[in-house]
Amino acid sequence: MFSFQYPGPQKKIPFTTKITIVIWTFVVLAILSFFAFSFFIIALLVGVVAFAANLFQKHRAPISSNQPDFPKQHYSPNPKEKDNDIIDI
């Protein structure tokens, strides 16, 4: 790639240099967008393949377990400690 030095306030930039800068800018943007679009297409294809593979699998056992939840234990205060409060007003 070329390097460009600014000629100073008195000299004008040649027209060919301006055109070259514009062309290189478009070339770099085209290459960047090509690779970005390629990565997008690859990711999209991988997602479609993973989705299709998941659709055509045989029926699997459900993930949820058949065990019941934790047993419910209701709180009941001890009758001996019923009136044993820390603060009595």
PDB file of N, CA and C in Angstrom:
ATOM      1  N   MET A   1       0.848  -1.173   0.000  1.00  0.00           N
ATOM      2  CA  MET A   1       0.000   0.000   0.000  1.00  0.00           C
ATOM      3  C   MET A   1       0.893   1.235   0.000  1.00  0.00           C
ATOM      4  N   PHE A   2       0.367   2.300  -0.460  1.00  0.00           N
ATOM      5  CA  PHE A   2       1.160   3.519  -0.563  1.00  0.00           C
ATOM      6  C   PHE A   2       1.120   4.301   0.745  1.00  0.00           C
ATOM      7  N   SER A   3       2.099   5.160   0.933  1.00  0.00           N
ATOM      8  CA  SER A   3       2.068   6.072   2.070  1.00  0.00           C
ATOM      9  C   SER A   3       1.927   7.482   1.510  1.00  0.00           C
ATOM     10  N   PHE A   4       1.255   8.306   2.260  1.00  0.00           N
ATOM     11  CA  PHE A   4       0.963   9.646   1.775  1.00  0.00           C
ATOM     12  C   PHE A   4       1.431  10.653   2.813  1.00  0.00           C
ATOM     13  N   GLN A   5       2.170  11.635   2.366  1.00  0.00           N
ATOM     14  CA  GLN A   5       2.580  12.730   3.242  1.00  0.00           C
ATOM     15  C   GLN A   5       1.872  13.993   2.785  1.00  0.00           C
ATOM     16  N   TYR A   6       1.322  14.683   3.741  1.00  0.00           N
ATOM     17  CA  TYR A   6       0.611  15.915   3.413  1.00  0.00           C
ATOM     18  C   TYR A   6       1.628  16.955   2.955  1.00  0.00           C
ATOM     19  N   PRO A   7       1.438  17.561   1.774  1.00  0.00           N
ATOM     20  CA  PRO A   7       2.466  18.455   1.227  1.00  0.00           C
ATOM     21  C   PRO A   7       2.557  19.811   1.916  1.00  0.00           C
ATOM     22  N   GLY A   8       1.604  20.171   2.732  1.00  0.00           N
ATOM     23  CA  GLY A   8       1.649  21.473   3.386  1.00  0.00           C
ATOM     24  C   GLY A   8       0.516  22.350   2.877  1.00  0.00           C
ATOM     25  N   PRO A   9       0.334  23.519   3.494  1.00  0.00           N
ATOM     26  CA  PRO A   9      -0.805  24.363   3.123  1.00  0.00           C
ATOM     27  C   PRO A   9      -0.649  25.036   1.752  1.00  0.00           C
ATOM     28  N   GLN A  10       0.561  25.171   1.251  1.00  0.00           N
ATOM     29  CA  GLN A  10       0.761  25.894  -0.006  1.00  0.00           C
ATOM     30  C   GLN A  10       0.596  24.993  -1.229  1.00  0.00           C
ATOM     31  N   LYS A  11       0.850  23.702  -1.081  1.00  0.00           N
ATOM     32  CA  LYS A  11       0.771  22.795  -2.224  1.00  0.00           C
ATOM     33  C   LYS A  11      -0.583  22.102  -2.238  1.00  0.00           C
ATOM     34  N   LYS A  12      -1.080  21.859  -3.446  1.00  0.00           N
ATOM     35  CA  LYS A  12      -2.336  21.132  -3.587  1.00  0.00           C
ATOM     36  C   LYS A  12      -2.037  19.641  -3.715  1.00  0.00           C
ATOM     37  N   ILE A  13      -2.986  18.832  -3.235  1.00  0.00           N
ATOM     38  CA  ILE A  13      -2.849  17.386  -3.383  1.00  0.00           C
ATOM     39  C   ILE A  13      -3.174  17.048  -4.834  1.00  0.00           C
ATOM     40  N   PRO A  14      -2.320  16.269  -5.484  1.00  0.00           N
ATOM     41  CA  PRO A  14      -2.598  15.916  -6.883  1.00  0.00           C
ATOM     42  C   PRO A  14      -3.895  15.124  -7.017  1.00  0.00           C
ATOM     43  N   PHE A  15      -4.536  15.285  -8.158  1.00  0.00           N
ATOM     44  CA  PHE A  15      -5.822  14.633  -8.408  1.00  0.00           C
ATOM     45  C   PHE A  15      -5.679  13.111  -8.414  1.00  0.00           C
ATOM     46  N   THR A  16      -4.580  12.616  -8.944  1.00  0.00           N
ATOM     47  CA  THR A  16      -4.378  11.159  -8.976  1.00  0.00           C
ATOM     48  C   THR A  16      -4.243  10.586  -7.562  1.00  0.00           C
ATOM     49  N   THR A  17      -3.650  11.352  -6.654  1.00  0.00           N
ATOM     50  CA  THR A  17      -3.529  10.895  -5.268  1.00  0.00           C
ATOM     51  C   THR A  17      -4.906  10.835  -4.612  1.00  0.00           C
ATOM     52  N   LYS A  18      -5.742  11.823  -4.894  1.00  0.00           N
ATOM     53  CA  LYS A  18      -7.104  11.816  -4.345  1.00  0.00           C
ATOM     54  C   LYS A  18      -7.884  10.604  -4.858  1.00  0.00           C
ATOM     55  N   ILE A  19      -7.767  10.339  -6.141  1.00  0.00           N
ATOM     56  CA  ILE A  19      -8.468   9.195  -6.733  1.00  0.00           C
ATOM     57  C   ILE A  19      -7.945   7.882  -6.137  1.00  0.00           C
ATOM     58  N   THR A  20      -6.626   7.802  -5.945  1.00  0.00           N
ATOM     59  CA  THR A  20      -6.030   6.591  -5.379  1.00  0.00           C
ATOM     60  C   THR A  20      -6.519   6.350  -3.951  1.00  0.00           C
ATOM     61  N   ILE A  21      -6.619   7.410  -3.170  1.00  0.00           N
ATOM     62  CA  ILE A  21      -7.109   7.275  -1.788  1.00  0.00           C
ATOM     63  C   ILE A  21      -8.554   6.785  -1.790  1.00  0.00           C
ATOM     64  N   VAL A  22      -9.379   7.326  -2.668  1.00  0.00           N
ATOM     65  CA  VAL A  22     -10.787   6.913  -2.747  1.00  0.00           C
ATOM     66  C   VAL A  22     -10.888   5.451  -3.184  1.00  0.00           C
ATOM     67  N   ILE A  23     -10.092   5.067  -4.179  1.00  0.00           N
ATOM     68  CA  ILE A  23     -10.133   3.682  -4.668  1.00  0.00           C
ATOM     69  C   ILE A  23      -9.695   2.711  -3.570  1.00  0.00           C
ATOM     70  N   TRP A  24      -8.600   3.028  -2.877  1.00  0.00           N
ATOM     71  CA  TRP A  24      -8.134   2.149  -1.800  1.00  0.00           C
ATOM     72  C   TRP A  24      -9.166   2.047  -0.674  1.00  0.00           C
ATOM     73  N   THR A  25      -9.848   3.147  -0.389  1.00  0.00           N
ATOM     74  CA  THR A  25     -10.891   3.121   0.642  1.00  0.00           C
ATOM     75  C   THR A  25     -12.003   2.156   0.246  1.00  0.00           C
ATOM     76  N   PHE A  26     -12.442   2.236  -1.015  1.00  0.00           N
ATOM     77  CA  PHE A  26     -13.497   1.334  -1.475  1.00  0.00           C
ATOM     78  C   PHE A  26     -13.028  -0.122  -1.513  1.00  0.00           C
ATOM     79  N   VAL A  27     -11.776  -0.349  -1.878  1.00  0.00           N
ATOM     80  CA  VAL A  27     -11.250  -1.717  -1.912  1.00  0.00           C
ATOM     81  C   VAL A  27     -11.210  -2.307  -0.501  1.00  0.00           C
ATOM     82  N   VAL A  28     -10.736  -1.532   0.451  1.00  0.00           N
ATOM     83  CA  VAL A  28     -10.665  -2.013   1.835  1.00  0.00           C
ATOM     84  C   VAL A  28     -12.063  -2.280   2.385  1.00  0.00           C
ATOM     85  N   LEU A  29     -13.007  -1.382   2.123  1.00  0.00           N
ATOM     86  CA  LEU A  29     -14.378  -1.597   2.592  1.00  0.00           C
ATOM     87  C   LEU A  29     -15.011  -2.816   1.921  1.00  0.00           C
ATOM     88  N   ALA A  30     -14.710  -3.034   0.650  1.00  0.00           N
ATOM     89  CA  ALA A  30     -15.249  -4.204  -0.051  1.00  0.00           C
ATOM     90  C   ALA A  30     -14.699  -5.496   0.544  1.00  0.00           C
ATOM     91  N   ILE A  31     -13.407  -5.532   0.826  1.00  0.00           N
ATOM     92  CA  ILE A  31     -12.811  -6.728   1.430  1.00  0.00           C
ATOM     93  C   ILE A  31     -13.387  -6.968   2.824  1.00  0.00           C
ATOM     94  N   LEU A  32     -13.509  -5.899   3.594  1.00  0.00           N
ATOM     95  CA  LEU A  32     -14.069  -6.022   4.940  1.00  0.00           C
ATOM     96  C   LEU A  32     -15.502  -6.544   4.901  1.00  0.00           C
ATOM     97  N   SER A  33     -16.325  -5.992   4.025  1.00  0.00           N
ATOM     98  CA  SER A  33     -17.715  -6.440   3.963  1.00  0.00           C
ATOM     99  C   SER A  33     -17.820  -7.859   3.410  1.00  0.00           C
ATOM    100  N   PHE A  34     -16.918  -8.250   2.504  1.00  0.00           N
ATOM    101  CA  PHE A  34     -16.927  -9.624   1.992  1.00  0.00           C
ATOM    102  C   PHE A  34     -16.669 -10.616   3.119  1.00  0.00           C
ATOM    103  N   PHE A  35     -15.655 -10.362   3.935  1.00  0.00           N
ATOM    104  CA  PHE A  35     -15.346 -11.287   5.023  1.00  0.00           C
ATOM    105  C   PHE A  35     -16.422 -11.260   6.107  1.00  0.00           C
ATOM    106  N   ALA A  36     -16.964 -10.090   6.397  1.00  0.00           N
ATOM    107  CA  ALA A  36     -18.030 -10.014   7.402  1.00  0.00           C
ATOM    108  C   ALA A  36     -19.255 -10.786   6.921  1.00  0.00           C
ATOM    109  N   PHE A  37     -19.606 -10.629   5.659  1.00  0.00           N
ATOM    110  CA  PHE A  37     -20.757 -11.345   5.115  1.00  0.00           C
ATOM    111  C   PHE A  37     -20.482 -12.844   5.067  1.00  0.00           C
ATOM    112  N   SER A  38     -19.244 -13.224   4.764  1.00  0.00           N
ATOM    113  CA  SER A  38     -18.886 -14.650   4.738  1.00  0.00           C
ATOM    114  C   SER A  38     -19.039 -15.271   6.123  1.00  0.00           C
ATOM    115  N   PHE A  39     -18.560 -14.576   7.163  1.00  0.00           N
ATOM    116  CA  PHE A  39     -18.714 -15.096   8.522  1.00  0.00           C
ATOM    117  C   PHE A  39     -20.186 -15.198   8.903  1.00  0.00           C
ATOM    118  N   PHE A  40     -20.993 -14.244   8.466  1.00  0.00           N
ATOM    119  CA  PHE A  40     -22.430 -14.278   8.748  1.00  0.00           C
ATOM    120  C   PHE A  40     -23.077 -15.488   8.075  1.00  0.00           C
ATOM    121  N   ILE A  41     -22.734 -15.740   6.822  1.00  0.00           N
ATOM    122  CA  ILE A  41     -23.303 -16.879   6.098  1.00  0.00           C
ATOM    123  C   ILE A  41     -22.871 -18.197   6.747  1.00  0.00           C
ATOM    124  N   ILE A  42     -21.604 -18.297   7.140  1.00  0.00           N
ATOM    125  CA  ILE A  42     -21.122 -19.523   7.794  1.00  0.00           C
ATOM    126  C   ILE A  42     -21.865 -19.752   9.112  1.00  0.00           C
ATOM    127  N   ALA A  43     -22.030 -18.709   9.909  1.00  0.00           N
ATOM    128  CA  ALA A  43     -22.748 -18.844  11.182  1.00  0.00           C
ATOM    129  C   ALA A  43     -24.209 -19.222  10.943  1.00  0.00           C
ATOM    130  N   LEU A  44     -24.812 -18.658   9.916  1.00  0.00           N
ATOM    131  CA  LEU A  44     -26.201 -18.985   9.597  1.00  0.00           C
ATOM    132  C   LEU A  44     -26.332 -20.450   9.179  1.00  0.00           C
ATOM    133  N   LEU A  45     -25.408 -20.938   8.369  1.00  0.00           N
ATOM    134  CA  LEU A  45     -25.442 -22.341   7.943  1.00  0.00           C
ATOM    135  C   LEU A  45     -25.218 -23.294   9.120  1.00  0.00           C
ATOM    136  N   VAL A  46     -24.313 -22.950  10.013  1.00  0.00           N
ATOM    137  CA  VAL A  46     -24.089 -23.785  11.199  1.00  0.00           C
ATOM    138  C   VAL A  46     -25.352 -23.833  12.057  1.00  0.00           C
ATOM    139  N   GLY A  47     -26.024 -22.708  12.203  1.00  0.00           N
ATOM    140  CA  GLY A  47     -27.270 -22.682  12.968  1.00  0.00           C
ATOM    141  C   GLY A  47     -28.356 -23.521  12.325  1.00  0.00           C
ATOM    142  N   VAL A  48     -28.476 -23.463  11.004  1.00  0.00           N
ATOM    143  CA  VAL A  48     -29.490 -24.258  10.299  1.00  0.00           C
ATOM    144  C   VAL A  48     -29.182 -25.750  10.430  1.00  0.00           C
ATOM    145  N   VAL A  49     -27.914 -26.127  10.300  1.00  0.00           N
ATOM    146  CA  VAL A  49     -27.533 -27.541  10.435  1.00  0.00           C
ATOM    147  C   VAL A  49     -27.807 -28.033  11.859  1.00  0.00           C
ATOM    148  N   ALA A  50     -27.484 -27.242  12.856  1.00  0.00           N
ATOM    149  CA  ALA A  50     -27.739 -27.647  14.242  1.00  0.00           C
ATOM    150  C   ALA A  50     -29.238 -27.779  14.501  1.00  0.00           C
ATOM    151  N   PHE A  51     -30.021 -26.862  13.954  1.00  0.00           N
ATOM    152  CA  PHE A  51     -31.472 -26.922  14.120  1.00  0.00           C
ATOM    153  C   PHE A  51     -32.043 -28.164  13.438  1.00  0.00           C
ATOM    154  N   ALA A  52     -31.575 -28.454  12.216  1.00  0.00           N
ATOM    155  CA  ALA A  52     -32.064 -29.629  11.489  1.00  0.00           C
ATOM    156  C   ALA A  52     -31.650 -30.917  12.196  1.00  0.00           C
ATOM    157  N   ALA A  53     -30.441 -30.964  12.736  1.00  0.00           N
ATOM    158  CA  ALA A  53     -29.992 -32.159  13.452  1.00  0.00           C
ATOM    159  C   ALA A  53     -30.833 -32.383  14.701  1.00  0.00           C
ATOM    160  N   ASN A  54     -31.239 -31.311  15.342  1.00  0.00           N
ATOM    161  CA  ASN A  54     -32.074 -31.434  16.536  1.00  0.00           C
ATOM    162  C   ASN A  54     -33.489 -31.889  16.170  1.00  0.00           C
ATOM    163  N   LEU A  55     -33.974 -31.504  14.999  1.00  0.00           N
ATOM    164  CA  LEU A  55     -35.323 -31.898  14.592  1.00  0.00           C
ATOM    165  C   LEU A  55     -35.420 -33.394  14.299  1.00  0.00           C
ATOM    166  N   PHE A  56     -34.382 -33.955  13.700  1.00  0.00           N
ATOM    167  CA  PHE A  56     -34.459 -35.333  13.235  1.00  0.00           C
ATOM    168  C   PHE A  56     -33.896 -36.348  14.224  1.00  0.00           C
ATOM    169  N   GLN A  57     -33.678 -35.966  15.453  1.00  0.00           N
ATOM    170  CA  GLN A  57     -33.222 -36.922  16.457  1.00  0.00           C
ATOM    171  C   GLN A  57     -34.391 -37.777  16.916  1.00  0.00           C
ATOM    172  N   LYS A  58     -34.069 -38.997  17.377  1.00  0.00           N
ATOM    173  CA  LYS A  58     -35.114 -39.854  17.930  1.00  0.00           C
ATOM    174  C   LYS A  58     -35.587 -39.258  19.242  1.00  0.00           C
ATOM    175  N   HIS A  59     -36.762 -39.691  19.655  1.00  0.00           N
ATOM    176  CA  HIS A  59     -37.328 -39.142  20.889  1.00  0.00           C
ATOM    177  C   HIS A  59     -36.436 -39.499  22.073  1.00  0.00           C
ATOM    178  N   ARG A  60     -36.079 -38.494  22.801  1.00  0.00           N
ATOM    179  CA  ARG A  60     -35.250 -38.690  23.981  1.00  0.00           C
ATOM    180  C   ARG A  60     -36.115 -38.605  25.223  1.00  0.00           C
ATOM    181  N   ALA A  61     -35.584 -39.109  26.302  1.00  0.00           N
ATOM    182  CA  ALA A  61     -36.290 -39.003  27.575  1.00  0.00           C
ATOM    183  C   ALA A  61     -36.339 -37.535  27.985  1.00  0.00           C
ATOM    184  N   PRO A  62     -37.413 -37.125  28.600  1.00  0.00           N
ATOM    185  CA  PRO A  62     -37.490 -35.721  29.019  1.00  0.00           C
ATOM    186  C   PRO A  62     -36.418 -35.391  30.053  1.00  0.00           C
ATOM    187  N   ILE A  63     -36.041 -34.150  30.058  1.00  0.00           N
ATOM    188  CA  ILE A  63     -34.978 -33.711  30.955  1.00  0.00           C
ATOM    189  C   ILE A  63     -35.458 -33.653  32.402  1.00  0.00           C
ATOM    190  N   SER A  64     -36.733 -33.341  32.603  1.00  0.00           N
ATOM    191  CA  SER A  64     -37.229 -33.194  33.970  1.00  0.00           C
ATOM    192  C   SER A  64     -37.241 -34.552  34.673  1.00  0.00           C
ATOM    193  N   SER A  65     -36.934 -34.536  35.941  1.00  0.00           N
ATOM    194  CA  SER A  65     -36.897 -35.776  36.722  1.00  0.00           C
ATOM    195  C   SER A  65     -38.290 -36.072  37.255  1.00  0.00           C
ATOM    196  N   ASN A  66     -38.546 -37.348  37.480  1.00  0.00           N
ATOM    197  CA  ASN A  66     -39.854 -37.757  37.986  1.00  0.00           C
ATOM    198  C   ASN A  66     -39.910 -37.756  39.506  1.00  0.00           C
ATOM    199  N   GLN A  67     -38.844 -37.388  40.154  1.00  0.00           N
ATOM    200  CA  GLN A  67     -38.828 -37.356  41.605  1.00  0.00           C
ATOM    201  C   GLN A  67     -39.675 -36.190  42.094  1.00  0.00           C
ATOM    202  N   PRO A  68     -40.381 -36.403  43.176  1.00  0.00           N
ATOM    203  CA  PRO A  68     -41.176 -35.288  43.711  1.00  0.00           C
ATOM    204  C   PRO A  68     -40.269 -34.202  44.287  1.00  0.00           C
ATOM    205  N   ASP A  69     -40.851 -33.050  44.448  1.00  0.00           N
ATOM    206  CA  ASP A  69     -40.107 -31.946  45.041  1.00  0.00           C
ATOM    207  C   ASP A  69     -39.783 -32.266  46.497  1.00  0.00           C
ATOM    208  N   PHE A  70     -39.108 -31.342  47.130  1.00  0.00           N
ATOM    209  CA  PHE A  70     -38.788 -31.521  48.538  1.00  0.00           C
ATOM    210  C   PHE A  70     -40.081 -31.656  49.338  1.00  0.00           C
ATOM    211  N   PRO A  71     -40.070 -32.497  50.354  1.00  0.00           N
ATOM    212  CA  PRO A  71     -41.300 -32.639  51.150  1.00  0.00           C
ATOM    213  C   PRO A  71     -41.615 -31.324  51.862  1.00  0.00           C
ATOM    214  N   LYS A  72     -42.891 -31.048  51.935  1.00  0.00           N
ATOM    215  CA  LYS A  72     -43.315 -29.804  52.577  1.00  0.00           C
ATOM    216  C   LYS A  72     -43.310 -29.994  54.087  1.00  0.00           C
ATOM    217  N   GLN A  73     -42.641 -29.108  54.742  1.00  0.00           N
ATOM    218  CA  GLN A  73     -42.592 -29.141  56.198  1.00  0.00           C
ATOM    219  C   GLN A  73     -43.163 -27.822  56.698  1.00  0.00           C
ATOM    220  N   HIS A  74     -44.318 -27.920  57.295  1.00  0.00           N
ATOM    221  CA  HIS A  74     -44.948 -26.718  57.812  1.00  0.00           C
ATOM    222  C   HIS A  74     -44.356 -26.377  59.172  1.00  0.00           C
ATOM    223  N   TYR A  75     -44.200 -25.105  59.391  1.00  0.00           N
ATOM    224  CA  TYR A  75     -43.604 -24.645  60.643  1.00  0.00           C
ATOM    225  C   TYR A  75     -44.655 -24.676  61.743  1.00  0.00           C
ATOM    226  N   SER A  76     -44.299 -25.316  62.824  1.00  0.00           N
ATOM    227  CA  SER A  76     -45.162 -25.264  64.007  1.00  0.00           C
ATOM    228  C   SER A  76     -44.256 -24.998  65.210  1.00  0.00           C
ATOM    229  N   PRO A  77     -44.496 -23.923  65.909  1.00  0.00           N
ATOM    230  CA  PRO A  77     -43.609 -23.587  67.032  1.00  0.00           C
ATOM    231  C   PRO A  77     -43.751 -24.607  68.157  1.00  0.00           C
ATOM    232  N   ASN A  78     -42.661 -24.762  68.853  1.00  0.00           N
ATOM    233  CA  ASN A  78     -42.633 -25.660  69.997  1.00  0.00           C
ATOM    234  C   ASN A  78     -43.526 -25.067  71.090  1.00  0.00           C
ATOM    235  N   PRO A  79     -44.440 -25.849  71.639  1.00  0.00           N
ATOM    236  CA  PRO A  79     -45.343 -25.273  72.664  1.00  0.00           C
ATOM    237  C   PRO A  79     -44.610 -24.787  73.902  1.00  0.00           C
ATOM    238  N   LYS A  80     -43.464 -25.373  74.218  1.00  0.00           N
ATOM    239  CA  LYS A  80     -42.714 -24.919  75.386  1.00  0.00           C
ATOM    240  C   LYS A  80     -42.138 -23.528  75.154  1.00  0.00           C
ATOM    241  N   GLU A  81     -41.794 -23.225  73.913  1.00  0.00           N
ATOM    242  CA  GLU A  81     -41.164 -21.944  73.622  1.00  0.00           C
ATOM    243  C   GLU A  81     -42.160 -20.913  73.107  1.00  0.00           C
ATOM    244  N   LYS A  82     -43.428 -21.203  73.244  1.00  0.00           N
ATOM    245  CA  LYS A  82     -44.435 -20.312  72.680  1.00  0.00           C
ATOM    246  C   LYS A  82     -44.402 -18.940  73.337  1.00  0.00           C
ATOM    247  N   ASP A  83     -44.292 -18.889  74.625  1.00  0.00           N
ATOM    248  CA  ASP A  83     -44.294 -17.611  75.329  1.00  0.00           C
ATOM    249  C   ASP A  83     -42.900 -17.205  75.771  1.00  0.00           C
ATOM    250  N   ASN A  84     -41.890 -17.773  75.190  1.00  0.00           N
ATOM    251  CA  ASN A  84     -40.525 -17.469  75.583  1.00  0.00           C
ATOM    252  C   ASN A  84     -39.928 -16.454  74.604  1.00  0.00           C
ATOM    253  N   ASP A  85     -40.473 -15.265  74.582  1.00  0.00           N
ATOM    254  CA  ASP A  85     -39.986 -14.226  73.675  1.00  0.00           C
ATOM    255  C   ASP A  85     -38.749 -13.565  74.249  1.00  0.00           C
ATOM    256  N   ILE A  86     -37.941 -13.048  73.368  1.00  0.00           N
ATOM    257  CA  ILE A  86     -36.742 -12.348  73.816  1.00  0.00           C
ATOM    258  C   ILE A  86     -37.121 -11.010  74.424  1.00  0.00           C
ATOM    259  N   ILE A  87     -38.017 -10.304  73.779  1.00  0.00           N
ATOM    260  CA  ILE A  87     -38.422  -8.992  74.276  1.00  0.00           C
ATOM    261  C   ILE A  87     -39.851  -9.089  74.789  1.00  0.00           C
ATOM    262  N   ASP A  88     -40.053  -8.823  76.035  1.00  0.00           N
ATOM    263  CA  ASP A  88     -41.393  -8.773  76.616  1.00  0.00           C
ATOM    264  C   ASP A  88     -41.719  -7.327  76.916  1.00  0.00           C
ATOM    265  N   ILE A  89     -42.819  -6.904  76.394  1.00  0.00           N
ATOM    266  CA  ILE A  89     -43.225  -5.513  76.634  1.00  0.00           C
ATOM    267  C   ILE A  89     -44.358  -5.499  77.633  1.00  0.00           C
TER     268      ILE A  89
END
